[in-house]
Amino acid sequence: MKRIQILSKASGELVLPDVAWCSSFWCKLRGLQFRKALRPGEALLLVEDRDSMVLTAIHMFFVNFDLGVIWINDAGRVVDKIRARPWRPSYAAQAPARYVLETAPDFLDKVNIGDEWILEGAPQRAAR
């Protein structure tokens, strides 16, 4: 699985050093289901083709621990964040997003809505 880093656009500081890039149907379908816990520093970035509230909605069925969930739009701006609880049927961002970052809940304290990030090492999109 491809790995990327997330950097602050404003300061260039490293926000997350090791994030799994999850863009395939099967990777997004599995997500973090059926796991007992997250490893320290573990993060998964679910990737869609475009900004959407529907496509970036998540569920927590078969996830047995809380997650810090951050929605990021195509421009790299954090548009929403929430602490997602196990076995809840649905969470969706308050604004369209292209990316859903799933990580430890304590990471939410380090993130503000409106933060702008760079996804370093992200695959380039083909011209449309």
Protein backbone atom coordinates (compact mmCIF):
# COMPACT_ATOMS: atom_id res chain seq x y z
CA MET A 1 0.00 0.00 0.00
CA LYS A 2 1.31 3.46 -0.90
CA ARG A 3 2.39 5.67 2.03
CA ILE A 4 2.32 9.48 2.13
CA GLN A 5 3.11 12.27 4.58
CA ILE A 6 0.88 15.16 5.53
CA LEU A 7 2.49 18.59 5.92
CA SER A 8 1.11 21.93 7.10
CA LYS A 9 0.77 24.28 4.13
CA ALA A 10 1.36 27.32 6.37
CA SER A 11 4.49 26.17 8.21
CA GLY A 12 5.77 23.19 6.24
CA GLU A 13 5.82 21.19 9.50
CA LEU A 14 5.11 17.49 9.44
CA VAL A 15 1.53 16.81 10.57
CA LEU A 16 1.53 13.02 10.09
CA PRO A 17 4.66 11.13 8.97
CA ASP A 18 3.18 7.84 7.77
CA VAL A 19 -0.30 7.68 6.24
CA ALA A 20 -1.64 4.74 4.21
CA TRP A 21 -3.13 5.87 0.86
CA CYS A 22 -6.42 4.01 0.36
CA SER A 23 -8.00 4.66 -3.05
CA SER A 24 -9.12 1.24 -4.29
CA PHE A 25 -12.66 -0.03 -3.82
CA TRP A 26 -11.49 -2.97 -1.68
CA CYS A 27 -9.24 -0.87 0.53
CA LYS A 28 -12.03 1.64 1.21
CA LEU A 29 -14.55 -1.15 1.79
CA ARG A 30 -12.33 -2.79 4.41
CA GLY A 31 -11.02 0.41 6.01
CA LEU A 32 -10.24 -0.30 9.66
CA GLN A 33 -12.99 -2.88 10.18
CA PHE A 34 -12.31 -6.08 12.12
CA ARG A 35 -9.20 -4.67 13.78
CA LYS A 36 -8.65 -4.86 17.54
CA ALA A 37 -6.88 -1.48 17.77
CA LEU A 38 -4.80 1.08 15.92
CA ARG A 39 -1.02 0.90 16.12
CA PRO A 40 0.63 4.06 17.55
CA GLY A 41 0.84 6.70 14.81
CA GLU A 42 -1.30 4.69 12.39
CA ALA A 43 -3.44 6.64 9.92
CA LEU A 44 -5.51 5.71 6.86
CA LEU A 45 -6.51 8.18 4.14
CA LEU A 46 -9.63 7.17 2.17
CA VAL A 47 -9.48 8.81 -1.26
CA GLU A 48 -12.33 9.71 -3.62
CA ASP A 49 -12.12 11.16 -7.15
CA ARG A 50 -13.82 14.43 -6.22
CA ASP A 51 -15.25 16.45 -3.34
CA SER A 52 -18.53 14.99 -2.10
CA MET A 53 -20.48 14.69 1.13
CA VAL A 54 -22.08 11.40 0.08
CA LEU A 55 -18.96 9.62 -1.18
CA THR A 56 -16.97 10.51 1.95
CA ALA A 57 -19.61 9.43 4.48
CA ILE A 58 -18.38 6.56 6.66
CA HIS A 59 -19.86 3.94 8.97
CA MET A 60 -18.35 2.38 12.06
CA PHE A 61 -19.84 -1.12 11.79
CA PHE A 62 -17.23 -3.74 12.75
CA VAL A 63 -14.87 -1.04 14.06
CA ASN A 64 -14.27 -1.81 17.73
CA PHE A 65 -12.57 1.41 18.88
CA ASP A 66 -13.02 5.18 18.58
CA LEU A 67 -11.45 6.99 15.64
CA GLY A 68 -10.45 10.57 15.01
CA VAL A 69 -11.95 11.33 11.60
CA ILE A 70 -10.92 14.39 9.58
CA TRP A 71 -12.46 15.36 6.24
CA ILE A 72 -10.21 17.22 3.77
CA ASN A 73 -11.30 18.80 0.49
CA ASP A 74 -9.49 18.63 -2.84
CA ALA A 75 -7.67 21.89 -2.07
CA GLY A 76 -6.18 20.35 1.11
CA ARG A 77 -8.39 22.28 3.55
CA VAL A 78 -9.78 20.53 6.63
CA VAL A 79 -13.57 20.92 6.33
CA ASP A 80 -14.75 18.88 9.34
CA LYS A 81 -13.60 16.58 12.13
CA ILE A 82 -15.27 14.29 14.64
CA ARG A 83 -14.64 11.54 17.16
CA ALA A 84 -16.34 8.51 15.62
CA ARG A 85 -17.69 5.88 18.02
CA PRO A 86 -17.76 2.12 17.36
CA TRP A 87 -20.77 0.55 15.67
CA ARG A 88 -22.44 3.83 14.64
CA PRO A 89 -24.28 3.71 11.30
CA SER A 90 -23.11 6.94 9.71
CA TYR A 91 -20.85 9.97 9.91
CA ALA A 92 -20.65 12.62 7.18
CA ALA A 93 -18.80 15.91 6.84
CA GLN A 94 -20.59 19.25 7.07
CA ALA A 95 -19.01 20.24 3.74
CA PRO A 96 -17.89 18.34 0.63
CA ALA A 97 -14.55 16.55 0.99
CA ARG A 98 -12.37 14.34 -1.19
CA TYR A 99 -10.35 12.68 1.58
CA VAL A 100 -11.26 11.02 4.88
CA LEU A 101 -8.40 10.68 7.35
CA GLU A 102 -8.93 8.01 10.02
CA THR A 103 -6.52 7.95 12.95
CA ALA A 104 -6.32 8.02 16.75
CA PRO A 105 -8.90 10.24 18.47
CA ASP A 106 -6.25 12.28 20.34
CA PHE A 107 -5.05 13.61 16.97
CA LEU A 108 -8.24 15.71 16.78
CA ASP A 109 -6.74 18.08 19.39
CA LYS A 110 -3.99 18.98 16.90
CA VAL A 111 -6.37 19.83 14.03
CA ASN A 112 -8.55 22.85 13.34
CA ILE A 113 -11.23 23.20 10.71
CA GLY A 114 -9.72 25.46 8.06
CA ASP A 115 -6.17 24.07 8.40
CA GLU A 116 -4.54 23.61 5.02
CA TRP A 117 -2.41 20.55 4.35
CA ILE A 118 -0.14 19.19 1.63
CA LEU A 119 -0.40 15.49 0.85
CA GLU A 120 3.28 14.81 0.17
CA GLY A 121 3.83 11.78 -2.05
CA ALA A 122 0.19 11.55 -3.19
CA PRO A 123 -0.23 10.10 -6.70
CA GLN A 124 -0.75 12.70 -9.40
CA ARG A 125 -4.17 12.79 -11.03
CA ALA A 126 -4.47 12.19 -14.75
CA ALA A 127 -5.59 15.20 -16.79
CA ARG A 128 -9.32 15.25 -17.43
